[in-house]
Amino acid sequence: MDFPRLITPAETVQNTAIFSVTQLNQRARQLLEISFANIRVEGEISGLSRPSSGHWYFTLKDEQSQVRCAMFRSRTAMLRFLPKDGDRVELRAKVSLYENRGDYQLIVDDMKPAGEGALLLAFQQLKDRLAMAGLFAEEHKKPLPKARRIGVITSPTGAAIHDILTVLKRRSPSIEVDLYPTLVQGRDAAPQIVAAIERANRDQRVDVLIVGRGGGSLEDLWCFNDERVAWAIFHSRIPVVSAVGHEVDFSIADFVADARAPTPSAAAELLSPDQQRQSQLLEQMRLRLIQANIRSFRQRQLTLANLQQRLQGPQRRIEQISQNLDGLEGRLRRAFEHSQLKRQRLLDRLSQTLSHQHPERRIAEQSKWLAAVQQQLTRAMQKRMEQRHYQLAAQAKLLDSLSPLNVLGRGYAIARTPDGKVVHDSSEVQQGDAVHILLRKGRLETQVTDIHAATDD
């Protein structure tokens, strides 16, 4: 089907052609997608649905209005969090229209918790600036010593110091710990962390510093993304281990520090003397590789997103068809259940009909027929055996009449040479030859004493 030509509002006023509903919805979708190709919208998620296709459907609302949204599987797979009803989010989307129902909707390309956008932008800009200044360069990383005294810069009431002390007590109780208490959240946290790092460097009492805290939101961890903290760690003459948040959290302090531990407990494990130096080096290399992979992965994600946005292809049509399939899925499930119910009812009727029919009569008839056939077969076999017996007797009698033993029984004998050859003519033996004479009963061993040639009479 040919799509109607996109026209301007002025042309619309002058155009008196009558549209079909399909043409009208197609025209409206084209106008919306051209006018609002890439927008950002903030609101609260409501009525989130995740069908088996992998696509998400939900409503984005604020205090006064709402709009339907669709996010297709290729985009949902790229999210780093799982949204739920009630979450306030920021969307990057394009405005479209679901033609089958004429519903105005947003096609969502990206989603993130509301409020994180500015922080993430500031984080990336500071990270790029410090990287250009060389704060992340490997040649500035100091090796971790075999620590006898560890300085910990964190909150004295937080879980981080408790976890560190617990690990060190279990693995190496001889290690001494100096606590430099600071705030690790809020506006005043960054200056206190900087002051604690500078104080530890003046005192020169500890071999290594652990700077960190437990996990939290991006806002909670923001003091470790402060440029002042980054420079303080970089200028520290004492090696610094960054232990901020959970394993998935990364901060500017992680990139500047001489080593990064995913948690405060892991930092204590890293500095415990019962670990071999090679294990420490391998752990540092693994963490740096993870950081490099994450940076590379994020860059590739950004490149892929840009390419996908520029790519022109059948994706839009595929997404619409996929949305239709989600609607058909429910109808197909209901039709299948109805069909199964009809088949069950038919099976019940057939089972009832079958229960009224019993195979005993058929079995009795077949048994009677089988007995009769068996009796006939027995008689036929007996008759055949009798015939074979008479034939055998006749053949034996004939064979007996032809037997040479009968000839011997009438007084004849058979002469044989020692090698078993039958003597037919007197010329076949000579005087002195041994001859065996076979009689009807027994045999004679003889010697030729005289030979008489056969005469005509």
Protein backbone atom coordinates (compact mmCIF):
# COMPACT_ATOMS: atom_id res chain seq x y z
CA MET A 1 0.00 0.00 0.00
CA ASP A 2 1.38 3.45 -0.92
CA PHE A 3 1.74 5.90 1.96
CA PRO A 4 0.07 9.30 1.42
CA ARG A 5 2.42 12.18 0.65
CA LEU A 6 3.40 14.29 3.65
CA ILE A 7 1.81 17.73 3.28
CA THR A 8 2.05 20.98 5.19
CA PRO A 9 -0.77 22.38 7.38
CA ALA A 10 -1.49 24.99 4.72
CA GLU A 11 -1.94 22.31 2.12
CA THR A 12 -4.16 20.40 4.54
CA VAL A 13 -6.59 23.29 4.75
CA GLN A 14 -6.85 23.51 0.96
CA ASN A 15 -6.95 19.75 0.37
CA THR A 16 -10.54 18.54 0.13
CA ALA A 17 -9.64 14.84 -0.37
CA ILE A 18 -11.31 12.36 1.96
CA PHE A 19 -8.88 10.21 3.99
CA SER A 20 -9.44 6.68 5.13
CA VAL A 21 -8.85 6.06 8.83
CA THR A 22 -5.63 4.20 8.00
CA GLN A 23 -4.35 7.06 5.84
CA LEU A 24 -5.21 9.58 8.53
CA ASN A 25 -3.32 7.63 11.20
CA GLN A 26 -0.33 7.18 8.89
CA ARG A 27 -0.26 10.93 8.17
CA ALA A 28 -0.52 11.76 11.87
CA ARG A 29 2.30 9.33 12.74
CA GLN A 30 4.57 10.88 10.09
CA LEU A 31 3.95 14.38 11.36
CA LEU A 32 4.59 13.38 14.99
CA GLU A 33 7.78 11.46 14.24
CA ILE A 34 9.21 14.32 12.15
CA SER A 35 8.26 17.04 14.64
CA PHE A 36 9.36 15.12 17.78
CA ALA A 37 12.16 12.84 16.56
CA ASN A 38 14.34 13.03 19.69
CA ILE A 39 12.96 14.45 22.93
CA ARG A 40 13.51 13.99 26.65
CA VAL A 41 10.55 13.52 28.99
CA GLU A 42 10.51 13.09 32.77
CA GLY A 43 7.70 11.46 34.73
CA GLU A 44 6.52 8.55 36.87
CA ILE A 45 6.09 4.97 35.58
CA SER A 46 2.64 3.41 35.95
CA GLY A 47 1.12 0.14 34.69
CA LEU A 48 4.42 -1.39 33.57
CA SER A 49 3.87 -4.56 31.48
CA ARG A 50 6.57 -6.97 30.31
CA PRO A 51 5.08 -9.58 27.86
CA SER A 52 7.06 -12.60 26.65
CA SER A 53 8.23 -10.72 23.55
CA GLY A 54 10.71 -8.78 25.68
CA HIS A 55 9.10 -5.38 24.92
CA TRP A 56 7.89 -3.08 27.72
CA TYR A 57 4.67 -1.08 27.78
CA PHE A 58 3.82 1.48 30.44
CA THR A 59 2.28 4.88 31.14
CA LEU A 60 4.39 7.94 31.98
CA LYS A 61 2.48 10.43 34.12
CA ASP A 62 2.80 13.53 36.22
CA GLU A 63 0.31 15.30 38.47
CA GLN A 64 -2.01 16.31 35.60
CA SER A 65 -1.37 14.22 32.47
CA GLN A 66 -0.18 10.88 31.16
CA VAL A 67 1.09 9.34 27.92
CA ARG A 68 1.45 5.74 26.76
CA CYS A 69 5.00 4.45 26.13
CA ALA A 70 6.55 1.46 24.35
CA MET A 71 10.17 0.35 24.75
CA PHE A 72 11.25 -2.49 22.46
CA ARG A 73 13.45 -5.42 23.39
CA SER A 74 16.57 -4.14 21.56
CA ARG A 75 16.52 -1.07 23.87
CA THR A 76 15.42 -2.70 27.16
CA ALA A 77 18.40 -5.08 26.99
CA MET A 78 20.78 -2.11 27.25
CA LEU A 79 19.40 -0.73 30.53
CA ARG A 80 21.56 -1.03 33.65
CA PHE A 81 18.59 -1.02 36.04
CA LEU A 82 15.13 -2.62 36.23
CA PRO A 83 12.37 -0.01 36.54
CA LYS A 84 9.13 -0.60 38.43
CA ASP A 85 5.80 1.13 38.95
CA GLY A 86 6.24 4.37 40.87
CA ASP A 87 9.81 5.03 39.69
CA ARG A 88 10.50 8.53 38.46
CA VAL A 89 12.56 8.31 35.27
CA GLU A 90 13.95 10.41 32.46
CA LEU A 91 13.25 9.09 28.93
CA ARG A 92 14.86 9.76 25.57
CA ALA A 93 12.15 9.01 23.02
CA LYS A 94 10.42 9.92 19.81
CA VAL A 95 6.72 10.71 19.55
CA SER A 96 4.72 8.32 17.39
CA LEU A 97 1.24 6.92 16.91
CA TYR A 98 0.07 3.30 17.14
CA GLU A 99 -1.90 3.20 13.89
CA ASN A 100 -4.11 0.18 14.64
CA ARG A 101 -5.81 1.97 17.55
CA GLY A 102 -4.93 5.57 16.79
CA ASP A 103 -3.16 5.86 20.15
CA TYR A 104 -0.60 8.63 20.63
CA GLN A 105 2.53 7.15 22.28
CA LEU A 106 6.25 7.50 22.94
CA ILE A 107 8.79 5.06 21.44
CA VAL A 108 11.49 4.98 24.14
CA ASP A 109 15.17 4.70 23.14
CA ASP A 110 16.75 5.14 26.59
CA MET A 111 15.70 5.38 30.23
CA LYS A 112 17.49 6.38 33.43
CA PRO A 113 16.45 7.40 36.93
CA ALA A 114 15.46 11.05 37.04
CA GLY A 115 18.04 13.41 38.47
CA GLU A 116 21.12 11.38 37.51
CA GLY A 117 21.63 13.00 34.13
CA ALA A 118 23.39 16.15 35.34
CA LEU A 119 25.54 14.20 37.80
CA LEU A 120 26.61 11.68 35.17
CA LEU A 121 27.48 14.49 32.76
CA ALA A 122 29.55 16.24 35.42
CA PHE A 123 31.21 12.93 36.31
CA GLN A 124 32.19 12.26 32.70
CA GLN A 125 33.45 15.79 32.10
CA LEU A 126 35.62 15.72 35.25
CA LYS A 127 36.88 12.24 34.39
CA ASP A 128 37.90 13.36 30.91
CA ARG A 129 39.62 16.49 32.25
CA LEU A 130 41.59 14.59 34.90
CA ALA A 131 42.54 11.90 32.40
CA MET A 132 43.95 14.58 30.11
CA ALA A 133 45.90 15.95 33.09
CA GLY A 134 47.49 12.51 33.60
CA LEU A 135 45.98 11.67 37.00
CA PHE A 136 44.97 8.19 35.82
CA ALA A 137 48.29 7.32 34.15
CA GLU A 138 49.79 4.01 35.21
CA GLU A 139 53.29 5.46 35.64
CA HIS A 140 52.03 7.49 38.61
CA LYS A 141 50.65 4.43 40.43
CA LYS A 142 52.69 3.61 43.53
CA PRO A 143 53.19 -0.05 44.49
CA LEU A 144 51.39 -1.23 47.60
CA PRO A 145 53.79 -1.97 50.48
CA LYS A 146 53.68 -4.82 52.96
CA ALA A 147 51.59 -2.89 55.44
CA ARG A 148 52.23 -2.96 59.18
CA ARG A 149 50.06 0.08 59.89
CA ILE A 150 47.05 1.10 57.81
CA GLY A 151 45.29 4.45 57.82
CA VAL A 152 41.54 4.40 57.17
CA ILE A 153 39.75 7.57 56.04
CA THR A 154 36.03 6.99 56.47
CA SER A 155 33.11 7.57 58.83
CA PRO A 156 33.75 6.29 62.37
CA THR A 157 30.15 5.07 62.63
CA GLY A 158 29.76 3.52 59.19
CA ALA A 159 29.87 -0.11 58.14
CA ALA A 160 33.15 0.37 56.25
CA ILE A 161 35.43 0.67 59.32
CA HIS A 162 33.66 -2.27 60.97
CA ASP A 163 34.18 -4.46 57.88
CA ILE A 164 37.86 -3.48 57.60
CA LEU A 165 38.60 -4.19 61.26
CA THR A 166 36.76 -7.51 61.09
CA VAL A 167 38.78 -8.69 58.09
CA LEU A 168 42.12 -7.55 59.53
CA LYS A 169 41.39 -9.17 62.89
CA ARG A 170 40.65 -12.45 61.15
CA ARG A 171 43.56 -12.38 58.70
CA SER A 172 46.33 -10.44 60.45
CA PRO A 173 45.68 -9.14 64.00
CA SER A 174 49.20 -7.67 64.19
CA ILE A 175 48.37 -4.88 61.73
CA GLU A 176 47.70 -1.56 63.46
CA VAL A 177 44.94 0.71 62.22
CA ASP A 178 44.76 4.52 62.46
CA LEU A 179 41.28 5.93 61.86
CA TYR A 180 40.99 9.41 60.31
CA PRO A 181 37.29 10.13 60.91
CA THR A 182 35.52 12.14 58.22
CA LEU A 183 32.12 12.64 56.72
CA VAL A 184 31.61 10.48 53.62
CA GLN A 185 28.39 12.07 52.40
CA GLY A 186 27.15 15.60 51.93
CA ARG A 187 28.59 19.00 51.07
CA ASP A 188 31.24 19.05 53.82
CA ALA A 189 32.53 15.53 53.13
CA ALA A 190 35.02 16.38 50.35
CA PRO A 191 36.99 19.03 52.33
CA GLN A 192 37.22 16.68 55.33
CA ILE A 193 38.52 13.83 53.15
CA VAL A 194 41.15 16.14 51.64
CA ALA A 195 42.22 17.29 55.11
CA ALA A 196 42.48 13.71 56.35
CA ILE A 197 44.71 12.70 53.41
CA GLU A 198 46.98 15.70 54.00
CA ARG A 199 47.15 14.99 57.74
CA ALA A 200 48.11 11.36 57.15
CA ASN A 201 50.91 12.47 54.82
CA ARG A 202 52.20 14.94 57.45
CA ASP A 203 52.14 12.35 60.23
CA GLN A 204 53.88 9.66 58.17
CA ARG A 205 52.64 7.05 60.66
CA VAL A 206 50.95 4.65 58.23
CA ASP A 207 52.24 2.61 55.30
CA VAL A 208 49.09 2.81 53.18
CA LEU A 209 45.72 4.60 53.20
CA ILE A 210 42.25 3.20 52.61
CA VAL A 211 39.81 5.90 51.46
CA GLY A 212 36.21 4.79 51.13
CA ARG A 213 32.76 3.98 52.41
CA GLY A 214 29.93 1.52 51.80
CA GLY A 215 27.55 1.58 48.86
CA GLY A 216 24.91 4.17 48.09
CA SER A 217 23.29 6.19 45.35
CA LEU A 218 25.24 8.36 42.93
CA GLU A 219 24.43 11.40 45.09
CA ASP A 220 25.60 9.60 48.25
CA LEU A 221 28.97 8.76 46.67
CA TRP A 222 29.45 12.15 45.02
CA CYS A 223 32.09 13.44 47.45
CA PHE A 224 34.48 10.82 46.01
CA ASN A 225 33.93 12.38 42.57
CA ASP A 226 35.15 15.76 43.84
CA GLU A 227 38.15 17.20 41.98
CA ARG A 228 39.78 18.30 45.28
CA VAL A 229 39.70 14.71 46.55
CA ALA A 230 41.19 13.49 43.25
CA TRP A 231 44.14 15.89 43.48
CA ALA A 232 44.69 15.07 47.16
CA ILE A 233 44.92 11.36 46.35
CA PHE A 234 47.21 12.06 43.39
CA HIS A 235 49.64 14.17 45.49
CA SER A 236 49.65 11.73 48.41
CA ARG A 237 53.12 10.31 49.08
CA ILE A 238 51.45 7.40 50.88
CA PRO A 239 49.91 4.78 48.55
CA VAL A 240 46.12 5.05 48.49
CA VAL A 241 43.59 2.24 48.06
CA SER A 242 40.15 3.44 47.00
CA ALA A 243 37.25 1.40 48.41
CA VAL A 244 34.09 3.27 47.50
CA GLY A 245 30.65 1.68 47.31
CA HIS A 246 29.93 -1.78 45.94
CA GLU A 247 31.63 -3.75 43.21
CA VAL A 248 29.57 -2.13 40.44
CA ASP A 249 30.22 1.44 41.68
CA PHE A 250 33.06 3.44 40.15
CA SER A 251 34.19 6.91 41.26
CA ILE A 252 36.89 9.38 40.28
CA ALA A 253 38.79 8.32 43.40
CA ASP A 254 38.93 4.75 42.01
CA PHE A 255 40.69 5.92 38.85
CA VAL A 256 43.20 8.18 40.64
CA ALA A 257 44.08 5.85 43.53
CA ASP A 258 47.07 3.53 43.36
CA ALA A 259 44.70 0.55 43.67
CA ARG A 260 40.97 0.10 43.64
CA ALA A 261 39.10 -2.40 45.85
CA PRO A 262 35.44 -3.13 45.09
CA THR A 263 34.47 -2.88 48.80
CA PRO A 264 36.11 -1.83 52.10
CA SER A 265 36.34 -5.50 53.07
CA ALA A 266 38.15 -6.25 49.83
CA ALA A 267 40.59 -3.40 50.56
CA ALA A 268 41.47 -5.04 53.88
CA GLU A 269 41.88 -8.37 52.09
CA LEU A 270 44.14 -6.72 49.52
CA LEU A 271 46.45 -5.26 52.19
CA SER A 272 46.58 -8.34 54.42
CA PRO A 273 50.14 -9.74 54.50
CA ASP A 274 49.07 -13.35 53.95
CA GLN A 275 48.40 -12.54 50.30
CA GLN A 276 51.28 -13.13 47.93
CA ARG A 277 52.69 -10.22 45.97
CA GLN A 278 51.82 -11.90 42.72
CA SER A 279 48.16 -12.14 43.79
CA GLN A 280 48.15 -8.41 44.52
CA LEU A 281 49.61 -7.60 41.12
CA LEU A 282 47.13 -9.89 39.38
CA GLU A 283 44.23 -8.32 41.29
CA GLN A 284 45.37 -4.83 40.33
CA MET A 285 45.73 -5.87 36.70
CA ARG A 286 42.26 -7.47 36.79
CA LEU A 287 40.67 -4.34 38.24
CA ARG A 288 42.42 -2.08 35.74
CA LEU A 289 41.32 -4.36 32.93
CA ILE A 290 37.74 -4.18 34.21
CA GLN A 291 37.97 -0.39 34.24
CA ALA A 292 39.37 -0.36 30.72
CA ASN A 293 36.68 -2.77 29.54
CA ILE A 294 33.96 -0.70 31.15
CA ARG A 295 35.29 2.47 29.55
CA SER A 296 35.55 0.69 26.20
CA PHE A 297 32.10 -0.85 26.61
CA ARG A 298 30.50 2.50 27.46
CA GLN A 299 32.20 4.14 24.49
CA ARG A 300 31.03 1.37 22.20
CA GLN A 301 27.51 1.66 23.62
CA LEU A 302 27.52 5.37 22.84
CA THR A 303 28.86 4.74 19.34
CA LEU A 304 26.25 2.02 18.77
CA ALA A 305 23.44 4.28 19.98
CA ASN A 306 24.55 7.02 17.61
CA LEU A 307 24.76 4.60 14.70
CA GLN A 308 21.36 3.11 15.51
CA GLN A 309 19.81 6.56 15.58
CA ARG A 310 21.35 7.37 12.20
CA LEU A 311 20.46 4.02 10.67
CA GLN A 312 17.53 4.11 8.30
CA GLY A 313 15.83 0.76 7.77
CA PRO A 314 12.76 -1.36 8.43
CA GLN A 315 13.14 -1.11 12.22
CA ARG A 316 10.10 1.11 12.63
CA ARG A 317 7.87 -1.29 10.75
CA ILE A 318 9.29 -4.25 12.69
CA GLU A 319 8.54 -2.50 15.97
CA GLN A 320 4.95 -1.84 14.90
CA ILE A 321 4.47 -5.46 13.83
CA SER A 322 5.99 -6.61 17.11
CA GLN A 323 3.54 -4.44 19.00
CA ASN A 324 0.69 -6.01 17.02
CA LEU A 325 2.01 -9.46 17.87
CA ASP A 326 1.84 -8.63 21.56
CA GLY A 327 -1.85 -7.88 21.12
CA LEU A 328 -2.43 -11.07 19.14
CA GLU A 329 -0.63 -13.12 21.78
CA GLY A 330 -3.46 -12.65 24.27
CA ARG A 331 -6.11 -13.51 21.67
CA LEU A 332 -4.22 -16.63 20.63
CA ARG A 333 -3.92 -17.78 24.22
CA ARG A 334 -7.67 -17.38 24.79
CA ALA A 335 -8.47 -19.18 21.52
CA PHE A 336 -6.17 -22.03 22.47
CA GLU A 337 -7.82 -22.39 25.87
CA HIS A 338 -11.28 -22.45 24.23
CA SER A 339 -10.11 -25.08 21.72
CA GLN A 340 -8.69 -27.21 24.51
CA LEU A 341 -12.01 -27.02 26.37
CA LYS A 342 -13.92 -28.21 23.26
CA ARG A 343 -11.48 -31.08 22.73
CA GLN A 344 -11.85 -32.12 26.39
CA ARG A 345 -15.63 -32.19 26.07
CA LEU A 346 -15.38 -34.32 22.90
CA LEU A 347 -12.99 -36.69 24.65
CA ASP A 348 -15.43 -37.05 27.55
CA ARG A 349 -18.28 -37.97 25.16
CA LEU A 350 -16.15 -40.51 23.30
CA SER A 351 -14.98 -42.05 26.57
CA GLN A 352 -18.58 -42.41 27.70
CA THR A 353 -19.56 -44.04 24.37
CA LEU A 354 -16.63 -46.43 24.55
CA SER A 355 -17.50 -47.42 28.10
CA HIS A 356 -20.89 -48.79 26.83
CA GLN A 357 -19.16 -51.16 24.40
CA HIS A 358 -17.46 -54.32 25.73
CA PRO A 359 -15.22 -56.69 23.68
CA GLU A 360 -16.31 -59.97 25.46
CA ARG A 361 -18.66 -61.14 22.66
CA ARG A 362 -16.05 -60.54 19.99
CA ILE A 363 -13.48 -62.38 22.07
CA ALA A 364 -15.84 -65.37 22.55
CA GLU A 365 -16.57 -65.59 18.80
CA GLN A 366 -12.91 -65.42 17.94
CA SER A 367 -12.09 -68.07 20.56
CA LYS A 368 -14.73 -70.44 19.12
CA TRP A 369 -13.44 -69.86 15.58
CA LEU A 370 -9.86 -70.45 16.74
CA ALA A 371 -10.82 -73.77 18.37
CA ALA A 372 -12.51 -74.95 15.16
CA VAL A 373 -9.54 -73.98 13.04
CA GLN A 374 -7.20 -75.72 15.46
CA GLN A 375 -9.26 -78.95 15.26
CA GLN A 376 -9.27 -78.83 11.45
CA LEU A 377 -5.53 -78.27 11.41
CA THR A 378 -4.97 -81.27 13.71
CA ARG A 379 -7.04 -83.60 11.46
CA ALA A 380 -5.25 -82.32 8.35
CA MET A 381 -1.85 -82.94 9.93
CA GLN A 382 -2.82 -86.49 10.97
CA LYS A 383 -4.05 -87.31 7.47
CA ARG A 384 -0.90 -85.89 5.93
CA MET A 385 1.25 -87.96 8.29
CA GLU A 386 -0.58 -91.16 7.34
CA GLN A 387 -0.06 -90.42 3.63
CA ARG A 388 3.63 -89.80 4.22
CA HIS A 389 3.89 -93.04 6.21
CA TYR A 390 2.35 -95.11 3.36
CA GLN A 391 4.66 -93.47 0.82
CA LEU A 392 7.69 -94.19 2.98
CA ALA A 393 6.75 -97.86 3.37
CA ALA A 394 6.36 -98.28 -0.41
CA GLN A 395 9.68 -96.61 -1.11
CA ALA A 396 11.42 -98.78 1.51
CA LYS A 397 9.97 -101.94 -0.05
CA LEU A 398 11.16 -100.87 -3.50
CA LEU A 399 14.59 -100.05 -2.16
CA ASP A 400 14.81 -103.38 -0.42
CA SER A 401 13.97 -105.25 -3.65
CA LEU A 402 16.85 -103.52 -5.40
CA SER A 403 19.37 -104.14 -2.61
CA PRO A 404 22.35 -106.36 -3.52
CA LEU A 405 21.91 -108.13 -0.19
CA ASN A 406 18.79 -109.80 -1.61
CA VAL A 407 20.92 -111.13 -4.49
CA LEU A 408 23.41 -112.51 -1.99
CA GLY A 409 20.53 -114.09 -0.13
CA ARG A 410 19.75 -116.25 -3.18
CA GLY A 411 23.23 -117.87 -3.04
CA TYR A 412 25.30 -115.45 -5.04
CA ALA A 413 28.60 -113.90 -3.85
CA ILE A 414 30.67 -110.83 -4.70
CA ALA A 415 34.42 -111.10 -5.31
CA ARG A 416 36.63 -108.08 -4.51
CA THR A 417 40.33 -107.43 -4.78
CA PRO A 418 42.16 -106.23 -1.63
CA ASP A 419 41.71 -102.62 -2.76
CA GLY A 420 37.90 -103.12 -2.87
CA LYS A 421 37.50 -103.39 -6.64
CA VAL A 422 34.70 -105.80 -7.75
CA VAL A 423 35.96 -108.66 -9.94
CA HIS A 424 33.78 -108.99 -13.04
CA ASP A 425 36.09 -111.08 -15.25
CA SER A 426 38.63 -113.83 -14.51
CA SER A 427 41.18 -111.89 -16.49
CA GLU A 428 41.17 -109.21 -13.83
CA VAL A 429 43.12 -111.44 -11.36
CA GLN A 430 46.14 -113.68 -11.53
CA GLN A 431 47.20 -116.84 -9.79
CA GLY A 432 48.29 -116.14 -6.24
CA ASP A 433 46.17 -112.96 -5.92
CA ALA A 434 44.14 -112.58 -2.73
CA VAL A 435 40.39 -112.29 -3.26
CA HIS A 436 37.70 -111.35 -0.72
CA ILE A 437 34.41 -113.23 -1.18
CA LEU A 438 31.36 -111.34 0.24
CA LEU A 439 28.52 -113.68 1.19
CA ARG A 440 25.07 -112.93 2.52
CA LYS A 441 26.46 -113.60 5.95
CA GLY A 442 30.15 -112.91 6.45
CA ARG A 443 33.02 -113.09 3.93
CA LEU A 444 35.86 -115.37 2.84
CA GLU A 445 39.54 -114.58 2.36
CA THR A 446 40.75 -116.73 -0.61
CA GLN A 447 43.75 -117.02 -2.95
CA VAL A 448 43.50 -117.69 -6.71
CA THR A 449 45.04 -121.04 -7.50
CA ASP A 450 43.67 -121.50 -10.98
CA ILE A 451 42.06 -119.31 -13.63
CA HIS A 452 39.60 -120.47 -16.27
CA ALA A 453 38.81 -118.14 -19.09
CA ALA A 454 35.17 -117.65 -20.08
CA THR A 455 33.88 -119.72 -23.05
CA ASP A 456 31.08 -118.93 -25.40
CA ASP A 457 29.04 -121.99 -24.20
